[in-house]
Amino acid sequence: MVSLLSILVLGFFLGMRHATDADHVVALTTIVSRERSLRAAAPIGVIWGIGHTITILVVGGAIILFGIVIPPRIGLTMELSVGFMLILLGGLNLAVSMRNARAIARREAQAHASSTTPHDHAEDAGHHATVARLDRRLGRFGAYRLVRPLLIGVVHGLAGSAAIALLVLGTIRDPLWALGYLVVFGVGTIAGMLLITTALAMSFSYAARRFDRLHGGIGVVSGFLSLAFGAFLVYDIGFVQGLFTSHPQWTPG
């Protein structure tokens, strides 16, 4: 009993360490960099961790309880989804950052302009009012900010669920204790994600309050980083590990 309890405690800290995996940190950085306040950004890590844990419990639980064997091609496809998700996140981040940079440049140009026609003022004000109204209306819905990190966490959980379940099976033979380990591991991941997101959010919110251009630059850098890392994963999984070839080689880990 003491040994099993020790394993569960270890699972919590391994979950926290799992939160620091490169693909997780890149995804979180890309999402959090778009937020301008600690209050809005901090919960993202918890929601991400919940989505990640849901996938681990569903996929890992099926492997533990029913002895499901995942073929290499399916396993690699699950991991490939993370690469595509990072590419999508990076592209969206770059689009938002570029749009915000243009808005900042327009405001600065108007502030320093010697004269502007009334029509120009009205047209630009109308444009910004429309964008602001859309943001406010979408922001009222909890799903607007909850669904995105939840789905990203679910996708990331696909990449690691098989490896975690197989590791548990090699250590804990009792299915109920093995499932308990997955739950504790997931709680540890959520805790780790909360710490990482809070640290990122504090830096980004400070930049947003003090320096508009610096905050925009962080968004651009995180977007490019997400794109590059996602493209690397797609290449590695598709060609090095052989998903796009006739001889896929997959080792869960």
Protein backbone atom coordinates (compact mmCIF):
# COMPACT_ATOMS: atom_id res chain seq x y z
CA MET A 1 0.00 0.00 0.00
CA VAL A 2 2.79 2.42 0.91
CA SER A 3 4.51 1.64 -2.37
CA LEU A 4 1.35 2.35 -4.38
CA LEU A 5 0.75 5.60 -2.52
CA SER A 6 4.33 6.61 -3.27
CA ILE A 7 3.75 5.89 -6.95
CA LEU A 8 0.63 8.07 -6.92
CA VAL A 9 2.54 10.93 -5.28
CA LEU A 10 5.28 10.48 -7.88
CA GLY A 11 2.58 10.58 -10.57
CA PHE A 12 1.51 14.04 -9.40
CA PHE A 13 5.02 15.44 -9.74
CA LEU A 14 5.57 13.65 -13.04
CA GLY A 15 2.37 15.32 -14.24
CA MET A 16 3.78 18.70 -13.25
CA ARG A 17 6.99 17.88 -15.12
CA HIS A 18 4.95 16.72 -18.11
CA ALA A 19 3.44 20.20 -18.24
CA THR A 20 6.88 21.60 -19.11
CA ASP A 21 7.23 19.55 -22.33
CA ALA A 22 8.28 21.77 -25.22
CA ASP A 23 5.10 21.39 -27.28
CA HIS A 24 2.95 22.25 -24.24
CA VAL A 25 4.93 25.39 -23.40
CA VAL A 26 4.93 26.56 -27.03
CA ALA A 27 1.15 26.11 -27.29
CA LEU A 28 0.52 27.91 -23.99
CA THR A 29 2.85 30.77 -24.90
CA THR A 30 1.06 31.22 -28.21
CA ILE A 31 -2.35 31.39 -26.54
CA VAL A 32 -1.40 33.49 -23.51
CA SER A 33 0.52 36.06 -25.59
CA ARG A 34 -2.82 37.26 -27.01
CA GLU A 35 -4.21 38.12 -23.56
CA ARG A 36 -3.63 41.53 -22.03
CA SER A 37 -4.42 40.80 -18.37
CA LEU A 38 -3.41 38.26 -15.74
CA ARG A 39 -7.05 37.63 -14.86
CA ALA A 40 -7.90 36.61 -18.42
CA ALA A 41 -4.75 34.57 -19.04
CA ALA A 42 -4.23 32.63 -15.79
CA PRO A 43 -7.23 30.24 -16.13
CA ILE A 44 -6.09 29.15 -19.59
CA GLY A 45 -3.56 26.69 -18.17
CA VAL A 46 -6.20 25.03 -15.97
CA ILE A 47 -8.62 24.66 -18.88
CA TRP A 48 -5.83 23.32 -21.10
CA GLY A 49 -4.87 20.83 -18.38
CA ILE A 50 -8.47 19.67 -18.01
CA GLY A 51 -8.72 18.96 -21.75
CA HIS A 52 -5.38 17.13 -21.63
CA THR A 53 -6.52 15.05 -18.66
CA ILE A 54 -9.83 14.13 -20.31
CA THR A 55 -7.99 12.62 -23.28
CA ILE A 56 -5.51 10.77 -21.08
CA LEU A 57 -8.34 9.27 -19.02
CA VAL A 58 -10.35 8.23 -22.08
CA VAL A 59 -7.52 6.84 -24.22
CA GLY A 60 -5.30 5.67 -21.37
CA GLY A 61 -8.26 4.16 -19.53
CA ALA A 62 -9.28 2.20 -22.63
CA ILE A 63 -5.74 0.82 -22.98
CA ILE A 64 -5.59 -0.16 -19.30
CA LEU A 65 -9.07 -1.64 -18.97
CA PHE A 66 -9.51 -3.28 -22.36
CA GLY A 67 -5.93 -3.97 -23.42
CA ILE A 68 -6.32 -1.97 -26.63
CA VAL A 69 -3.22 -2.01 -28.83
CA ILE A 70 -2.65 1.14 -30.88
CA PRO A 71 -1.06 0.47 -34.31
CA PRO A 72 2.01 2.57 -35.17
CA ARG A 73 0.25 4.53 -37.92
CA ILE A 74 -2.62 5.54 -35.62
CA GLY A 75 -0.20 6.41 -32.83
CA LEU A 76 1.85 8.63 -35.13
CA THR A 77 -1.32 10.26 -36.46
CA MET A 78 -2.33 11.14 -32.90
CA GLU A 79 1.03 12.80 -32.38
CA LEU A 80 0.89 14.50 -35.78
CA SER A 81 -2.29 16.31 -34.69
CA VAL A 82 -0.18 18.27 -32.21
CA GLY A 83 2.06 19.54 -35.02
CA PHE A 84 -0.90 20.72 -37.08
CA MET A 85 -2.44 22.34 -34.01
CA LEU A 86 0.75 24.32 -33.36
CA ILE A 87 0.87 25.45 -36.99
CA LEU A 88 -2.75 26.62 -36.79
CA LEU A 89 -2.13 28.44 -33.51
CA GLY A 90 0.97 30.13 -34.91
CA GLY A 91 -0.84 31.29 -38.02
CA LEU A 92 -3.75 32.71 -36.01
CA ASN A 93 -1.37 34.45 -33.63
CA LEU A 94 0.54 36.08 -36.48
CA ALA A 95 -2.70 37.26 -38.10
CA VAL A 96 -3.92 38.83 -34.84
CA SER A 97 -0.52 40.38 -34.07
CA MET A 98 -0.23 41.91 -37.55
CA ARG A 99 -3.75 43.32 -37.29
CA ASN A 100 -2.98 44.85 -33.89
CA ALA A 101 0.31 46.28 -35.18
CA ARG A 102 -1.53 48.01 -38.03
CA ALA A 103 -4.07 49.42 -35.58
CA ILE A 104 -1.28 50.80 -33.34
CA ALA A 105 0.47 52.33 -36.35
CA ARG A 106 -2.77 54.02 -37.45
CA ARG A 107 -3.36 55.46 -33.98
CA GLU A 108 0.18 56.83 -33.81
CA ALA A 109 -0.07 58.30 -37.27
CA GLN A 110 -3.36 60.03 -36.41
CA ALA A 111 -1.92 61.36 -33.15
CA HIS A 112 0.98 63.02 -34.98
CA ALA A 113 -0.89 64.13 -38.07
CA SER A 114 -1.19 67.90 -38.46
CA SER A 115 -4.65 67.68 -39.99
CA THR A 116 -7.17 65.00 -40.92
CA THR A 117 -10.43 65.28 -42.78
CA PRO A 118 -13.64 64.65 -40.81
CA HIS A 119 -14.54 61.86 -43.23
CA ASP A 120 -11.31 60.00 -42.45
CA HIS A 121 -11.97 60.24 -38.73
CA ALA A 122 -15.49 58.95 -39.07
CA GLU A 123 -14.51 56.07 -41.36
CA ASP A 124 -11.68 54.88 -39.09
CA ALA A 125 -13.75 55.30 -35.94
CA GLY A 126 -16.53 53.28 -37.50
CA HIS A 127 -14.13 50.50 -38.44
CA HIS A 128 -12.62 50.26 -34.94
CA ALA A 129 -16.05 50.47 -33.32
CA THR A 130 -17.18 47.49 -35.40
CA VAL A 131 -14.16 45.39 -34.40
CA ALA A 132 -14.55 46.40 -30.76
CA ARG A 133 -18.24 45.48 -30.78
CA LEU A 134 -17.46 42.03 -32.19
CA ASP A 135 -14.79 41.42 -29.56
CA ARG A 136 -17.10 42.54 -26.75
CA ARG A 137 -20.00 40.42 -27.96
CA LEU A 138 -17.91 37.28 -28.40
CA GLY A 139 -16.15 37.91 -25.11
CA ARG A 140 -19.45 37.75 -23.23
CA PHE A 141 -19.74 34.04 -23.95
CA GLY A 142 -17.74 31.80 -21.63
CA ALA A 143 -17.25 29.32 -24.47
CA TYR A 144 -15.37 31.96 -26.46
CA ARG A 145 -12.39 31.75 -24.10
CA LEU A 146 -12.92 28.24 -22.75
CA VAL A 147 -13.31 26.09 -25.84
CA ARG A 148 -10.01 27.05 -27.49
CA PRO A 149 -7.60 25.95 -24.71
CA LEU A 150 -9.84 22.98 -23.88
CA LEU A 151 -9.66 21.62 -27.45
CA ILE A 152 -5.93 22.26 -27.65
CA GLY A 153 -5.46 20.34 -24.40
CA VAL A 154 -7.53 17.45 -25.78
CA VAL A 155 -5.36 17.30 -28.91
CA HIS A 156 -2.13 17.41 -26.91
CA GLY A 157 -3.44 14.64 -24.70
CA LEU A 158 -3.69 12.38 -27.75
CA ALA A 159 0.06 12.55 -28.26
CA GLY A 160 1.01 11.35 -24.79
CA SER A 161 -1.89 9.23 -23.58
CA ALA A 162 -0.66 5.91 -25.01
CA ALA A 163 2.85 6.33 -23.60
CA ILE A 164 1.55 7.26 -20.16
CA ALA A 165 -0.88 4.31 -20.09
CA LEU A 166 1.80 1.82 -21.15
CA LEU A 167 4.17 3.20 -18.50
CA VAL A 168 1.48 2.73 -15.86
CA LEU A 169 0.73 -0.83 -17.00
CA GLY A 170 4.40 -1.71 -16.62
CA THR A 171 4.37 -0.45 -13.02
CA ILE A 172 0.86 -0.96 -11.59
CA ARG A 173 -1.00 -4.18 -12.36
CA ASP A 174 -4.26 -3.30 -10.59
CA PRO A 175 -6.50 -1.49 -13.15
CA LEU A 176 -8.21 0.67 -10.49
CA TRP A 177 -4.90 1.87 -9.09
CA ALA A 178 -3.66 2.45 -12.64
CA LEU A 179 -6.68 4.64 -13.36
CA GLY A 180 -6.07 6.44 -10.08
CA TYR A 181 -2.54 7.11 -11.24
CA LEU A 182 -3.88 8.67 -14.46
CA VAL A 183 -6.18 10.94 -12.45
CA VAL A 184 -3.36 12.04 -10.14
CA PHE A 185 -1.06 12.53 -13.13
CA GLY A 186 -3.72 14.71 -14.75
CA VAL A 187 -4.12 16.80 -11.59
CA GLY A 188 -0.37 17.31 -11.53
CA THR A 189 -0.44 18.40 -15.17
CA ILE A 190 -3.21 20.90 -14.40
CA ALA A 191 -1.19 22.30 -11.48
CA GLY A 192 1.92 22.59 -13.64
CA MET A 193 0.00 24.30 -16.42
CA LEU A 194 -1.46 26.80 -13.94
CA LEU A 195 2.02 27.72 -12.70
CA ILE A 196 3.43 28.06 -16.21
CA THR A 197 0.49 30.09 -17.47
CA THR A 198 0.57 32.42 -14.47
CA ALA A 199 4.29 33.08 -14.98
CA LEU A 200 3.76 33.77 -18.68
CA ALA A 201 0.68 35.89 -18.05
CA MET A 202 2.46 38.12 -15.53
CA SER A 203 5.17 38.92 -18.08
CA PHE A 204 2.76 39.45 -20.98
CA SER A 205 0.27 41.54 -18.99
CA TYR A 206 3.10 43.81 -17.83
CA ALA A 207 4.24 44.23 -21.43
CA ALA A 208 0.67 44.95 -22.51
CA ARG A 209 0.25 47.66 -19.87
CA ARG A 210 3.59 49.33 -20.48
CA PHE A 211 4.53 48.78 -24.10
CA ASP A 212 2.01 48.14 -26.87
CA ARG A 213 4.68 47.42 -29.45
CA LEU A 214 6.59 45.05 -27.16
CA HIS A 215 3.40 43.10 -26.49
CA GLY A 216 2.75 42.93 -30.23
CA GLY A 217 6.33 41.75 -30.81
CA ILE A 218 5.86 38.95 -28.27
CA GLY A 219 2.79 37.82 -30.20
CA VAL A 220 4.72 37.74 -33.47
CA VAL A 221 7.66 35.84 -31.96
CA SER A 222 5.38 33.28 -30.29
CA GLY A 223 3.48 32.86 -33.57
CA PHE A 224 6.66 32.17 -35.54
CA LEU A 225 7.91 29.84 -32.79
CA SER A 226 4.65 27.88 -32.87
CA LEU A 227 4.75 27.65 -36.66
CA ALA A 228 8.39 26.50 -36.70
CA PHE A 229 7.97 23.93 -33.95
CA GLY A 230 4.76 22.62 -35.50
CA ALA A 231 6.45 22.27 -38.88
CA PHE A 232 9.37 20.44 -37.24
CA LEU A 233 6.97 17.97 -35.58
CA VAL A 234 5.14 17.35 -38.87
CA TYR A 235 8.44 16.66 -40.65
CA ASP A 236 9.81 14.46 -37.85
CA ILE A 237 6.63 12.40 -37.47
CA GLY A 238 5.84 12.27 -41.16
CA PHE A 239 9.25 11.42 -42.59
CA VAL A 240 11.74 10.55 -39.84
CA GLN A 241 9.29 8.29 -37.99
CA GLY A 242 7.71 7.27 -41.27
CA LEU A 243 4.01 8.17 -41.02
CA PHE A 244 4.01 9.37 -44.64
CA THR A 245 5.99 6.33 -45.78
CA SER A 246 5.15 2.64 -46.02
CA HIS A 247 7.14 1.72 -42.90
CA PRO A 248 6.03 3.78 -39.89
CA GLN A 249 8.07 3.33 -36.72
CA TRP A 250 6.40 4.44 -33.52
CA THR A 251 7.66 4.12 -29.96
CA PRO A 252 5.27 5.73 -27.45
CA GLY A 253 7.18 8.19 -25.34
